[in-house]
């Protein structure tokens, strides 16, 4: 509980990095609630996801961003990179995430961008729990710390919760004195409708990542929150041949996606849910600006 004589601090923190370094998992771990969807597939996050954590006089507003990647093959890829770049500016702190002992060309590209920022940058080195030899970590951290004047270089494990408290403390110390921007109970600025679409997409990506890597999108057609929530959604694919893959024999694969999605949606909405899914084809939607706008990708983030 915040005391009257305590001075509040509040600010925005962008979580930046290449695909698959654990940005969304970090946000979920900090918030202790699933807000950003996750999978082992790169480019799972496509939007800027805002998450709010209020602890006493400290309110931290996190921006989870799409993984920044060098290849911009389609309009969707360009959009995701633009979202991440915009998130780096006009924030109070940037958390630049990398993998332990795995620095790639994409990491270098992101580093070049964050090294030009005027705000404090924290380097969070994730997955230290996977290192076979812990003795190699210290020299690696020292080498990275010499690259630029990071506010701090922190080895973390999102999976094991290692140093997550320390990361939050460093962030809080760097935030400006300010009134809180959001009510204490707020978790995000995203609507339940949006979060439902993301939960459905997560189940599709996890089930079909190898077969349909980046070619699906979700459109909510019906969203009624009554005693039982009634939700109907379209899963868009890009080619006719992808439709039977997603549906499966006698609809079994689509049914399994629906069951998994419904369970998570019920947990999020805290009520019973009736979910119906359809699969439809919209050729080339990921490289079509008009299609992206109709699917909500080109809205202001």
C-alpha atoms as a PDB file:
ATOM      1  CA  UNK A   1       0.000   0.000   0.000  1.00  0.00           C
ATOM      2  CA  UNK A   2       1.402   3.390  -0.977  1.00  0.00           C
ATOM      3  CA  UNK A   3       1.932   5.900   1.817  1.00  0.00           C
ATOM      4  CA  UNK A   4       0.921   9.564   1.407  1.00  0.00           C
ATOM      5  CA  UNK A   5       4.465  10.801   1.963  1.00  0.00           C
ATOM      6  CA  UNK A   6       5.998   8.513  -0.658  1.00  0.00           C
ATOM      7  CA  UNK A   7       6.889  10.053  -4.005  1.00  0.00           C
ATOM      8  CA  UNK A   8       5.598   7.995  -6.904  1.00  0.00           C
ATOM      9  CA  UNK A   9       7.713   6.954  -9.859  1.00  0.00           C
ATOM     10  CA  UNK A  10       6.330   5.854 -13.208  1.00  0.00           C
ATOM     11  CA  UNK A  11       7.719   5.251 -16.670  1.00  0.00           C
ATOM     12  CA  UNK A  12       7.802   3.233 -19.867  1.00  0.00           C
ATOM     13  CA  UNK A  13      10.227   0.365 -20.440  1.00  0.00           C
ATOM     14  CA  UNK A  14      10.723  -1.189 -23.883  1.00  0.00           C
ATOM     15  CA  UNK A  15      11.856  -4.826 -24.040  1.00  0.00           C
ATOM     16  CA  UNK A  16      13.916  -5.126 -27.221  1.00  0.00           C
ATOM     17  CA  UNK A  17      15.822  -7.941 -28.913  1.00  0.00           C
ATOM     18  CA  UNK A  18      15.980 -10.346 -31.811  1.00  0.00           C
ATOM     19  CA  UNK A  19      13.362 -13.106 -32.144  1.00  0.00           C
ATOM     20  CA  UNK A  20      13.235 -15.893 -29.568  1.00  0.00           C
ATOM     21  CA  UNK A  21      15.367 -14.404 -26.777  1.00  0.00           C
ATOM     22  CA  UNK A  22      12.486 -14.557 -24.273  1.00  0.00           C
ATOM     23  CA  UNK A  23      10.994 -11.046 -24.344  1.00  0.00           C
ATOM     24  CA  UNK A  24       7.363 -12.160 -24.027  1.00  0.00           C
ATOM     25  CA  UNK A  25       8.226 -14.746 -21.390  1.00  0.00           C
ATOM     26  CA  UNK A  26      10.007 -12.043 -19.394  1.00  0.00           C
ATOM     27  CA  UNK A  27       6.953  -9.793 -19.483  1.00  0.00           C
ATOM     28  CA  UNK A  28       4.680 -12.632 -18.376  1.00  0.00           C
ATOM     29  CA  UNK A  29       7.086 -13.548 -15.584  1.00  0.00           C
ATOM     30  CA  UNK A  30       7.245  -9.965 -14.290  1.00  0.00           C
ATOM     31  CA  UNK A  31       3.466  -9.513 -14.425  1.00  0.00           C
ATOM     32  CA  UNK A  32       2.866 -13.021 -12.999  1.00  0.00           C
ATOM     33  CA  UNK A  33       0.124 -13.359 -15.585  1.00  0.00           C
ATOM     34  CA  UNK A  34       0.046 -14.487 -19.190  1.00  0.00           C
ATOM     35  CA  UNK A  35      -0.309 -11.347 -21.289  1.00  0.00           C
ATOM     36  CA  UNK A  36       2.016 -11.942 -24.236  1.00  0.00           C
ATOM     37  CA  UNK A  37       1.644 -15.174 -26.172  1.00  0.00           C
ATOM     38  CA  UNK A  38       4.710 -17.386 -26.466  1.00  0.00           C
ATOM     39  CA  UNK A  39       6.034 -20.249 -28.562  1.00  0.00           C
ATOM     40  CA  UNK A  40       9.359 -21.648 -29.672  1.00  0.00           C
ATOM     41  CA  UNK A  41       8.806 -20.186 -33.127  1.00  0.00           C
ATOM     42  CA  UNK A  42      10.433 -16.848 -33.968  1.00  0.00           C
ATOM     43  CA  UNK A  43       8.173 -13.872 -34.726  1.00  0.00           C
ATOM     44  CA  UNK A  44       5.329 -15.097 -32.517  1.00  0.00           C
ATOM     45  CA  UNK A  45       4.858 -11.566 -31.162  1.00  0.00           C
ATOM     46  CA  UNK A  46       3.516  -9.306 -33.912  1.00  0.00           C
ATOM     47  CA  UNK A  47       2.183  -6.332 -31.958  1.00  0.00           C
ATOM     48  CA  UNK A  48       3.361  -3.979 -29.280  1.00  0.00           C
ATOM     49  CA  UNK A  49       1.998  -5.440 -26.043  1.00  0.00           C
ATOM     50  CA  UNK A  50       1.691  -3.061 -23.086  1.00  0.00           C
ATOM     51  CA  UNK A  51       1.816  -4.514 -19.582  1.00  0.00           C
ATOM     52  CA  UNK A  52       1.438  -2.530 -16.364  1.00  0.00           C
ATOM     53  CA  UNK A  53       2.891  -3.507 -13.007  1.00  0.00           C
ATOM     54  CA  UNK A  54       2.145  -1.369  -9.946  1.00  0.00           C
ATOM     55  CA  UNK A  55       4.022  -2.118  -6.731  1.00  0.00           C
ATOM     56  CA  UNK A  56       3.437   0.502  -4.053  1.00  0.00           C
ATOM     57  CA  UNK A  57       4.813   3.827  -5.249  1.00  0.00           C
ATOM     58  CA  UNK A  58       6.416   2.278  -8.382  1.00  0.00           C
ATOM     59  CA  UNK A  59       4.449   1.805 -11.600  1.00  0.00           C
ATOM     60  CA  UNK A  60       6.339   0.260 -14.511  1.00  0.00           C
ATOM     61  CA  UNK A  61       4.771   0.196 -17.967  1.00  0.00           C
ATOM     62  CA  UNK A  62       6.421  -2.479 -20.090  1.00  0.00           C
ATOM     63  CA  UNK A  63       6.298  -2.638 -23.875  1.00  0.00           C
ATOM     64  CA  UNK A  64       6.865  -6.128 -25.253  1.00  0.00           C
ATOM     65  CA  UNK A  65       7.894  -5.852 -28.899  1.00  0.00           C
ATOM     66  CA  UNK A  66       8.215  -8.136 -31.931  1.00  0.00           C
ATOM     67  CA  UNK A  67      11.655  -9.647 -32.388  1.00  0.00           C
ATOM     68  CA  UNK A  68      13.755  -7.511 -34.704  1.00  0.00           C
ATOM     69  CA  UNK A  69      15.030  -9.422 -37.710  1.00  0.00           C
ATOM     70  CA  UNK A  70      17.140  -8.561 -40.742  1.00  0.00           C
ATOM     71  CA  UNK A  71      14.927 -10.089 -43.422  1.00  0.00           C
ATOM     72  CA  UNK A  72      11.861  -8.035 -44.343  1.00  0.00           C
ATOM     73  CA  UNK A  73      10.372 -10.355 -46.951  1.00  0.00           C
ATOM     74  CA  UNK A  74       6.779  -9.230 -46.537  1.00  0.00           C
ATOM     75  CA  UNK A  75       4.773  -6.235 -45.421  1.00  0.00           C
ATOM     76  CA  UNK A  76       4.076  -8.043 -42.122  1.00  0.00           C
ATOM     77  CA  UNK A  77       7.822  -8.372 -41.420  1.00  0.00           C
ATOM     78  CA  UNK A  78       8.353  -4.676 -42.147  1.00  0.00           C
ATOM     79  CA  UNK A  79       5.456  -3.815 -39.844  1.00  0.00           C
ATOM     80  CA  UNK A  80       6.911  -5.845 -36.961  1.00  0.00           C
ATOM     81  CA  UNK A  81      10.307  -4.190 -37.283  1.00  0.00           C
ATOM     82  CA  UNK A  82       8.678  -0.751 -37.368  1.00  0.00           C
ATOM     83  CA  UNK A  83       6.712  -1.536 -34.193  1.00  0.00           C
ATOM     84  CA  UNK A  84       9.914  -2.526 -32.382  1.00  0.00           C
ATOM     85  CA  UNK A  85      11.820   0.540 -33.604  1.00  0.00           C
ATOM     86  CA  UNK A  86       9.043   2.916 -32.532  1.00  0.00           C
ATOM     87  CA  UNK A  87       8.923   1.336 -29.072  1.00  0.00           C
ATOM     88  CA  UNK A  88      12.566   2.221 -28.439  1.00  0.00           C
ATOM     89  CA  UNK A  89      11.887   5.927 -28.651  1.00  0.00           C
ATOM     90  CA  UNK A  90      10.023   8.018 -26.104  1.00  0.00           C
ATOM     91  CA  UNK A  91      10.564   5.435 -23.350  1.00  0.00           C
ATOM     92  CA  UNK A  92      12.415   5.945 -20.097  1.00  0.00           C
ATOM     93  CA  UNK A  93      14.392   2.681 -20.082  1.00  0.00           C
ATOM     94  CA  UNK A  94      15.240   0.000 -22.636  1.00  0.00           C
ATOM     95  CA  UNK A  95      15.874  -3.627 -21.705  1.00  0.00           C
ATOM     96  CA  UNK A  96      17.993  -5.158 -24.469  1.00  0.00           C
ATOM     97  CA  UNK A  97      17.684  -8.957 -24.252  1.00  0.00           C
ATOM     98  CA  UNK A  98      20.170 -11.458 -25.643  1.00  0.00           C
ATOM     99  CA  UNK A  99      20.878 -15.164 -25.186  1.00  0.00           C
ATOM    100  CA  UNK A 100      23.722 -16.303 -22.960  1.00  0.00           C
ATOM    101  CA  UNK A 101      26.820 -16.978 -25.089  1.00  0.00           C
ATOM    102  CA  UNK A 102      24.909 -16.599 -28.339  1.00  0.00           C
ATOM    103  CA  UNK A 103      25.472 -13.285 -30.103  1.00  0.00           C
ATOM    104  CA  UNK A 104      24.129 -13.288 -33.665  1.00  0.00           C
ATOM    105  CA  UNK A 105      24.155 -10.859 -36.580  1.00  0.00           C
ATOM    106  CA  UNK A 106      20.605  -9.890 -35.611  1.00  0.00           C
ATOM    107  CA  UNK A 107      21.791  -9.118 -32.067  1.00  0.00           C
ATOM    108  CA  UNK A 108      24.453  -6.884 -33.599  1.00  0.00           C
ATOM    109  CA  UNK A 109      21.827  -5.084 -35.696  1.00  0.00           C
ATOM    110  CA  UNK A 110      19.694  -4.427 -32.612  1.00  0.00           C
ATOM    111  CA  UNK A 111      22.774  -3.334 -30.660  1.00  0.00           C
ATOM    112  CA  UNK A 112      23.567  -0.706 -33.302  1.00  0.00           C
ATOM    113  CA  UNK A 113      20.113   0.774 -32.770  1.00  0.00           C
ATOM    114  CA  UNK A 114      20.108   0.728 -28.961  1.00  0.00           C
ATOM    115  CA  UNK A 115      23.634   2.159 -28.808  1.00  0.00           C
ATOM    116  CA  UNK A 116      22.273   5.362 -30.362  1.00  0.00           C
ATOM    117  CA  UNK A 117      19.566   5.860 -27.740  1.00  0.00           C
ATOM    118  CA  UNK A 118      19.683   8.620 -25.153  1.00  0.00           C
ATOM    119  CA  UNK A 119      17.798   6.699 -22.446  1.00  0.00           C
ATOM    120  CA  UNK A 120      19.375   4.155 -20.046  1.00  0.00           C
ATOM    121  CA  UNK A 121      19.844   0.695 -21.570  1.00  0.00           C
ATOM    122  CA  UNK A 122      19.982  -2.458 -19.447  1.00  0.00           C
ATOM    123  CA  UNK A 123      21.500  -5.543 -21.040  1.00  0.00           C
ATOM    124  CA  UNK A 124      19.633  -8.654 -19.854  1.00  0.00           C
ATOM    125  CA  UNK A 125      21.502 -11.852 -20.722  1.00  0.00           C
ATOM    126  CA  UNK A 126      18.858 -14.571 -20.645  1.00  0.00           C
ATOM    127  CA  UNK A 127      18.984 -18.373 -20.349  1.00  0.00           C
ATOM    128  CA  UNK A 128      22.046 -18.499 -18.104  1.00  0.00           C
ATOM    129  CA  UNK A 129      20.561 -21.669 -16.616  1.00  0.00           C
ATOM    130  CA  UNK A 130      21.354 -23.472 -19.888  1.00  0.00           C
ATOM    131  CA  UNK A 131      25.116 -22.865 -19.707  1.00  0.00           C
ATOM    132  CA  UNK A 132      27.078 -26.124 -19.320  1.00  0.00           C
ATOM    133  CA  UNK A 133      29.996 -24.262 -17.710  1.00  0.00           C
ATOM    134  CA  UNK A 134      29.172 -21.291 -15.470  1.00  0.00           C
ATOM    135  CA  UNK A 135      32.826 -20.187 -15.484  1.00  0.00           C
ATOM    136  CA  UNK A 136      32.510 -18.856 -19.040  1.00  0.00           C
ATOM    137  CA  UNK A 137      29.725 -16.446 -18.085  1.00  0.00           C
ATOM    138  CA  UNK A 138      31.760 -13.799 -16.290  1.00  0.00           C
ATOM    139  CA  UNK A 139      34.238 -13.173 -19.146  1.00  0.00           C
ATOM    140  CA  UNK A 140      31.321 -13.031 -21.572  1.00  0.00           C
ATOM    141  CA  UNK A 141      29.466 -10.466 -19.453  1.00  0.00           C
ATOM    142  CA  UNK A 142      32.661  -8.435 -19.128  1.00  0.00           C
ATOM    143  CA  UNK A 143      33.120  -8.456 -22.889  1.00  0.00           C
ATOM    144  CA  UNK A 144      29.548  -7.290 -23.462  1.00  0.00           C
ATOM    145  CA  UNK A 145      29.804  -4.579 -20.806  1.00  0.00           C
ATOM    146  CA  UNK A 146      32.683  -3.047 -22.757  1.00  0.00           C
ATOM    147  CA  UNK A 147      30.544  -2.609 -25.873  1.00  0.00           C
ATOM    148  CA  UNK A 148      28.717   0.461 -24.517  1.00  0.00           C
ATOM    149  CA  UNK A 149      27.846   2.241 -21.301  1.00  0.00           C
ATOM    150  CA  UNK A 150      24.997  -0.020 -20.234  1.00  0.00           C
ATOM    151  CA  UNK A 151      23.164   1.028 -17.088  1.00  0.00           C
ATOM    152  CA  UNK A 152      23.807  -2.527 -15.929  1.00  0.00           C
ATOM    153  CA  UNK A 153      24.517  -5.955 -17.412  1.00  0.00           C
ATOM    154  CA  UNK A 154      22.357  -8.547 -15.664  1.00  0.00           C
ATOM    155  CA  UNK A 155      22.495 -12.327 -16.217  1.00  0.00           C
ATOM    156  CA  UNK A 156      18.976 -13.711 -15.905  1.00  0.00           C
ATOM    157  CA  UNK A 157      16.941 -16.852 -16.383  1.00  0.00           C
ATOM    158  CA  UNK A 158      13.291 -16.149 -17.088  1.00  0.00           C
ATOM    159  CA  UNK A 159      12.534 -19.852 -16.760  1.00  0.00           C
ATOM    160  CA  UNK A 160      14.181 -20.162 -13.321  1.00  0.00           C
ATOM    161  CA  UNK A 161      13.292 -16.610 -12.172  1.00  0.00           C
ATOM    162  CA  UNK A 162      16.998 -15.916 -11.670  1.00  0.00           C
ATOM    163  CA  UNK A 163      17.727 -12.210 -11.065  1.00  0.00           C
ATOM    164  CA  UNK A 164      14.284 -11.088 -12.221  1.00  0.00           C
ATOM    165  CA  UNK A 165      13.823  -9.200  -8.944  1.00  0.00           C
ATOM    166  CA  UNK A 166      17.202  -7.536  -9.465  1.00  0.00           C
ATOM    167  CA  UNK A 167      16.238  -6.501 -13.003  1.00  0.00           C
ATOM    168  CA  UNK A 168      13.000  -4.959 -11.739  1.00  0.00           C
ATOM    169  CA  UNK A 169      14.867  -3.107  -8.991  1.00  0.00           C
ATOM    170  CA  UNK A 170      17.350  -1.605 -11.464  1.00  0.00           C
ATOM    171  CA  UNK A 171      14.482  -0.553 -13.727  1.00  0.00           C
ATOM    172  CA  UNK A 172      12.548   1.015 -10.843  1.00  0.00           C
ATOM    173  CA  UNK A 173      15.606   3.014  -9.750  1.00  0.00           C
ATOM    174  CA  UNK A 174      15.918   4.429 -13.291  1.00  0.00           C
ATOM    175  CA  UNK A 175      12.272   5.534 -13.628  1.00  0.00           C
ATOM    176  CA  UNK A 176      11.409   9.221 -13.301  1.00  0.00           C
ATOM    177  CA  UNK A 177       9.390  10.722 -10.464  1.00  0.00           C
ATOM    178  CA  UNK A 178       5.881  10.944 -11.854  1.00  0.00           C
ATOM    179  CA  UNK A 179       2.237  10.290 -11.011  1.00  0.00           C
ATOM    180  CA  UNK A 180       1.019   6.867 -12.056  1.00  0.00           C
ATOM    181  CA  UNK A 181      -0.514   6.793 -15.526  1.00  0.00           C
ATOM    182  CA  UNK A 182      -2.784   3.796 -14.973  1.00  0.00           C
ATOM    183  CA  UNK A 183      -5.123   2.736 -12.144  1.00  0.00           C
ATOM    184  CA  UNK A 184      -3.460   0.255  -9.797  1.00  0.00           C
ATOM    185  CA  UNK A 185      -5.633  -2.657 -10.949  1.00  0.00           C
ATOM    186  CA  UNK A 186      -4.902  -2.199 -14.673  1.00  0.00           C
ATOM    187  CA  UNK A 187      -2.826  -4.872 -16.424  1.00  0.00           C
ATOM    188  CA  UNK A 188      -2.845  -3.683 -20.041  1.00  0.00           C
ATOM    189  CA  UNK A 189      -4.414  -1.321 -22.535  1.00  0.00           C
ATOM    190  CA  UNK A 190      -5.322  -4.240 -24.814  1.00  0.00           C
ATOM    191  CA  UNK A 191      -8.956  -5.284 -24.984  1.00  0.00           C
ATOM    192  CA  UNK A 192     -10.194  -8.765 -24.034  1.00  0.00           C
ATOM    193  CA  UNK A 193     -11.183  -9.199 -27.703  1.00  0.00           C
ATOM    194  CA  UNK A 194      -7.588  -8.624 -28.814  1.00  0.00           C
ATOM    195  CA  UNK A 195      -6.201 -10.925 -26.118  1.00  0.00           C
ATOM    196  CA  UNK A 196      -8.600 -13.686 -27.177  1.00  0.00           C
ATOM    197  CA  UNK A 197      -7.408 -13.441 -30.785  1.00  0.00           C
ATOM    198  CA  UNK A 198      -3.808 -13.708 -29.606  1.00  0.00           C
ATOM    199  CA  UNK A 199      -4.531 -16.775 -27.465  1.00  0.00           C
ATOM    200  CA  UNK A 200      -6.096 -18.512 -30.457  1.00  0.00           C
ATOM    201  CA  UNK A 201      -3.104 -17.604 -32.629  1.00  0.00           C
ATOM    202  CA  UNK A 202      -0.728 -18.947 -30.000  1.00  0.00           C
ATOM    203  CA  UNK A 203      -2.386 -22.361 -30.147  1.00  0.00           C
ATOM    204  CA  UNK A 204      -2.200 -22.353 -33.936  1.00  0.00           C
ATOM    205  CA  UNK A 205       1.490 -21.390 -33.924  1.00  0.00           C
ATOM    206  CA  UNK A 206       2.340 -24.022 -31.326  1.00  0.00           C
ATOM    207  CA  UNK A 207       0.441 -26.764 -33.163  1.00  0.00           C
ATOM    208  CA  UNK A 208       1.404 -25.891 -36.728  1.00  0.00           C
ATOM    209  CA  UNK A 209       4.603 -23.874 -36.479  1.00  0.00           C
ATOM    210  CA  UNK A 210       6.581 -26.258 -38.661  1.00  0.00           C
ATOM    211  CA  UNK A 211       3.828 -26.623 -41.267  1.00  0.00           C
ATOM    212  CA  UNK A 212       2.389 -23.088 -41.272  1.00  0.00           C
ATOM    213  CA  UNK A 213       5.229 -20.994 -39.855  1.00  0.00           C
ATOM    214  CA  UNK A 214       4.072 -17.403 -40.341  1.00  0.00           C
ATOM    215  CA  UNK A 215       1.012 -17.544 -42.542  1.00  0.00           C
ATOM    216  CA  UNK A 216      -1.924 -17.506 -40.148  1.00  0.00           C
ATOM    217  CA  UNK A 217      -3.875 -14.658 -38.604  1.00  0.00           C
ATOM    218  CA  UNK A 218      -6.989 -14.465 -36.442  1.00  0.00           C
ATOM    219  CA  UNK A 219     -10.095 -12.345 -36.920  1.00  0.00           C
ATOM    220  CA  UNK A 220     -12.751 -12.271 -34.200  1.00  0.00           C
ATOM    221  CA  UNK A 221     -16.210 -12.173 -35.791  1.00  0.00           C
ATOM    222  CA  UNK A 222     -18.384 -12.528 -32.696  1.00  0.00           C
ATOM    223  CA  UNK A 223     -17.548 -11.566 -29.126  1.00  0.00           C
ATOM    224  CA  UNK A 224     -20.406 -11.626 -26.631  1.00  0.00           C
ATOM    225  CA  UNK A 225     -19.684 -11.639 -22.898  1.00  0.00           C
ATOM    226  CA  UNK A 226     -22.799 -13.047 -21.249  1.00  0.00           C
ATOM    227  CA  UNK A 227     -23.190 -15.687 -18.549  1.00  0.00           C
ATOM    228  CA  UNK A 228     -21.376 -17.852 -21.092  1.00  0.00           C
ATOM    229  CA  UNK A 229     -19.086 -15.990 -23.493  1.00  0.00           C
ATOM    230  CA  UNK A 230     -19.865 -16.671 -27.161  1.00  0.00           C
ATOM    231  CA  UNK A 231     -16.835 -16.207 -29.411  1.00  0.00           C
ATOM    232  CA  UNK A 232     -16.500 -16.954 -33.100  1.00  0.00           C
ATOM    233  CA  UNK A 233     -13.221 -16.508 -34.954  1.00  0.00           C
ATOM    234  CA  UNK A 234     -11.725 -17.005 -38.391  1.00  0.00           C
ATOM    235  CA  UNK A 235      -8.248 -18.440 -38.794  1.00  0.00           C
ATOM    236  CA  UNK A 236      -6.902 -16.948 -42.021  1.00  0.00           C
ATOM    237  CA  UNK A 237      -4.339 -18.814 -44.095  1.00  0.00           C
ATOM    238  CA  UNK A 238      -2.655 -17.751 -47.324  1.00  0.00           C
ATOM    239  CA  UNK A 239      -3.107 -20.771 -49.597  1.00  0.00           C
ATOM    240  CA  UNK A 240      -5.802 -23.361 -50.247  1.00  0.00           C
ATOM    241  CA  UNK A 241      -3.356 -26.174 -49.480  1.00  0.00           C
ATOM    242  CA  UNK A 242      -2.912 -24.885 -45.942  1.00  0.00           C
ATOM    243  CA  UNK A 243      -6.592 -25.156 -45.060  1.00  0.00           C
ATOM    244  CA  UNK A 244      -6.822 -28.980 -44.848  1.00  0.00           C
ATOM    245  CA  UNK A 245      -3.593 -29.075 -42.824  1.00  0.00           C
ATOM    246  CA  UNK A 246      -5.127 -26.850 -40.169  1.00  0.00           C
ATOM    247  CA  UNK A 247      -8.496 -28.592 -40.144  1.00  0.00           C
ATOM    248  CA  UNK A 248      -7.112 -32.123 -40.108  1.00  0.00           C
ATOM    249  CA  UNK A 249      -8.935 -35.390 -40.706  1.00  0.00           C
ATOM    250  CA  UNK A 250     -12.589 -35.020 -39.701  1.00  0.00           C
ATOM    251  CA  UNK A 251     -11.700 -31.647 -38.166  1.00  0.00           C
ATOM    252  CA  UNK A 252      -9.646 -33.201 -35.372  1.00  0.00           C
ATOM    253  CA  UNK A 253      -6.671 -30.816 -35.493  1.00  0.00           C
ATOM    254  CA  UNK A 254      -8.855 -27.718 -35.537  1.00  0.00           C
ATOM    255  CA  UNK A 255     -10.900 -29.166 -32.689  1.00  0.00           C
ATOM    256  CA  UNK A 256      -7.739 -29.641 -30.610  1.00  0.00           C
ATOM    257  CA  UNK A 257      -6.689 -26.024 -31.252  1.00  0.00           C
ATOM    258  CA  UNK A 258     -10.156 -24.904 -30.162  1.00  0.00           C
ATOM    259  CA  UNK A 259     -10.044 -26.895 -26.930  1.00  0.00           C
ATOM    260  CA  UNK A 260      -6.612 -25.552 -25.949  1.00  0.00           C
ATOM    261  CA  UNK A 261      -7.582 -21.988 -26.824  1.00  0.00           C
ATOM    262  CA  UNK A 262     -10.890 -22.198 -24.964  1.00  0.00           C
ATOM    263  CA  UNK A 263      -9.214 -23.324 -21.742  1.00  0.00           C
ATOM    264  CA  UNK A 264      -6.833 -20.349 -21.790  1.00  0.00           C
ATOM    265  CA  UNK A 265      -9.611 -17.929 -22.751  1.00  0.00           C
ATOM    266  CA  UNK A 266     -11.768 -19.157 -19.852  1.00  0.00           C
ATOM    267  CA  UNK A 267      -8.836 -18.613 -17.502  1.00  0.00           C
ATOM    268  CA  UNK A 268      -8.327 -15.098 -18.837  1.00  0.00           C
ATOM    269  CA  UNK A 269     -12.012 -14.096 -18.862  1.00  0.00           C
ATOM    270  CA  UNK A 270     -12.774 -16.033 -15.658  1.00  0.00           C
ATOM    271  CA  UNK A 271     -15.958 -17.494 -17.113  1.00  0.00           C
ATOM    272  CA  UNK A 272     -17.257 -20.293 -19.320  1.00  0.00           C
ATOM    273  CA  UNK A 273     -16.662 -19.868 -23.035  1.00  0.00           C
ATOM    274  CA  UNK A 274     -18.314 -21.257 -26.153  1.00  0.00           C
ATOM    275  CA  UNK A 275     -15.738 -21.012 -28.962  1.00  0.00           C
ATOM    276  CA  UNK A 276     -16.273 -21.683 -32.655  1.00  0.00           C
ATOM    277  CA  UNK A 277     -13.457 -21.575 -35.203  1.00  0.00           C
ATOM    278  CA  UNK A 278     -13.420 -21.507 -39.003  1.00  0.00           C
ATOM    279  CA  UNK A 279     -10.513 -21.684 -41.421  1.00  0.00           C
ATOM    280  CA  UNK A 280     -10.622 -19.432 -44.487  1.00  0.00           C
ATOM    281  CA  UNK A 281      -8.175 -18.507 -47.250  1.00  0.00           C
ATOM    282  CA  UNK A 282      -6.988 -14.977 -47.998  1.00  0.00           C
ATOM    283  CA  UNK A 283      -4.199 -15.272 -50.516  1.00  0.00           C
ATOM    284  CA  UNK A 284      -1.045 -13.307 -49.824  1.00  0.00           C
ATOM    285  CA  UNK A 285      -2.451 -11.448 -46.810  1.00  0.00           C
ATOM    286  CA  UNK A 286       0.973 -11.092 -45.130  1.00  0.00           C
ATOM    287  CA  UNK A 287       2.285  -9.006 -48.042  1.00  0.00           C
ATOM    288  CA  UNK A 288      -0.891  -7.002 -48.648  1.00  0.00           C
ATOM    289  CA  UNK A 289      -1.081  -3.624 -46.893  1.00  0.00           C
ATOM    290  CA  UNK A 290      -4.865  -3.477 -47.234  1.00  0.00           C
ATOM    291  CA  UNK A 291      -5.296  -6.959 -45.771  1.00  0.00           C
ATOM    292  CA  UNK A 292      -2.931  -6.139 -42.903  1.00  0.00           C
ATOM    293  CA  UNK A 293      -4.928  -3.034 -42.077  1.00  0.00           C
ATOM    294  CA  UNK A 294      -8.222  -4.926 -42.065  1.00  0.00           C
ATOM    295  CA  UNK A 295      -6.676  -7.519 -39.737  1.00  0.00           C
ATOM    296  CA  UNK A 296      -5.528  -4.818 -37.305  1.00  0.00           C
ATOM    297  CA  UNK A 297      -1.796  -4.855 -37.996  1.00  0.00           C
ATOM    298  CA  UNK A 298      -1.420  -1.307 -39.260  1.00  0.00           C
ATOM    299  CA  UNK A 299      -3.343   0.411 -36.498  1.00  0.00           C
ATOM    300  CA  UNK A 300      -1.345   2.864 -34.411  1.00  0.00           C
ATOM    301  CA  UNK A 301       0.713   0.853 -31.917  1.00  0.00           C
END
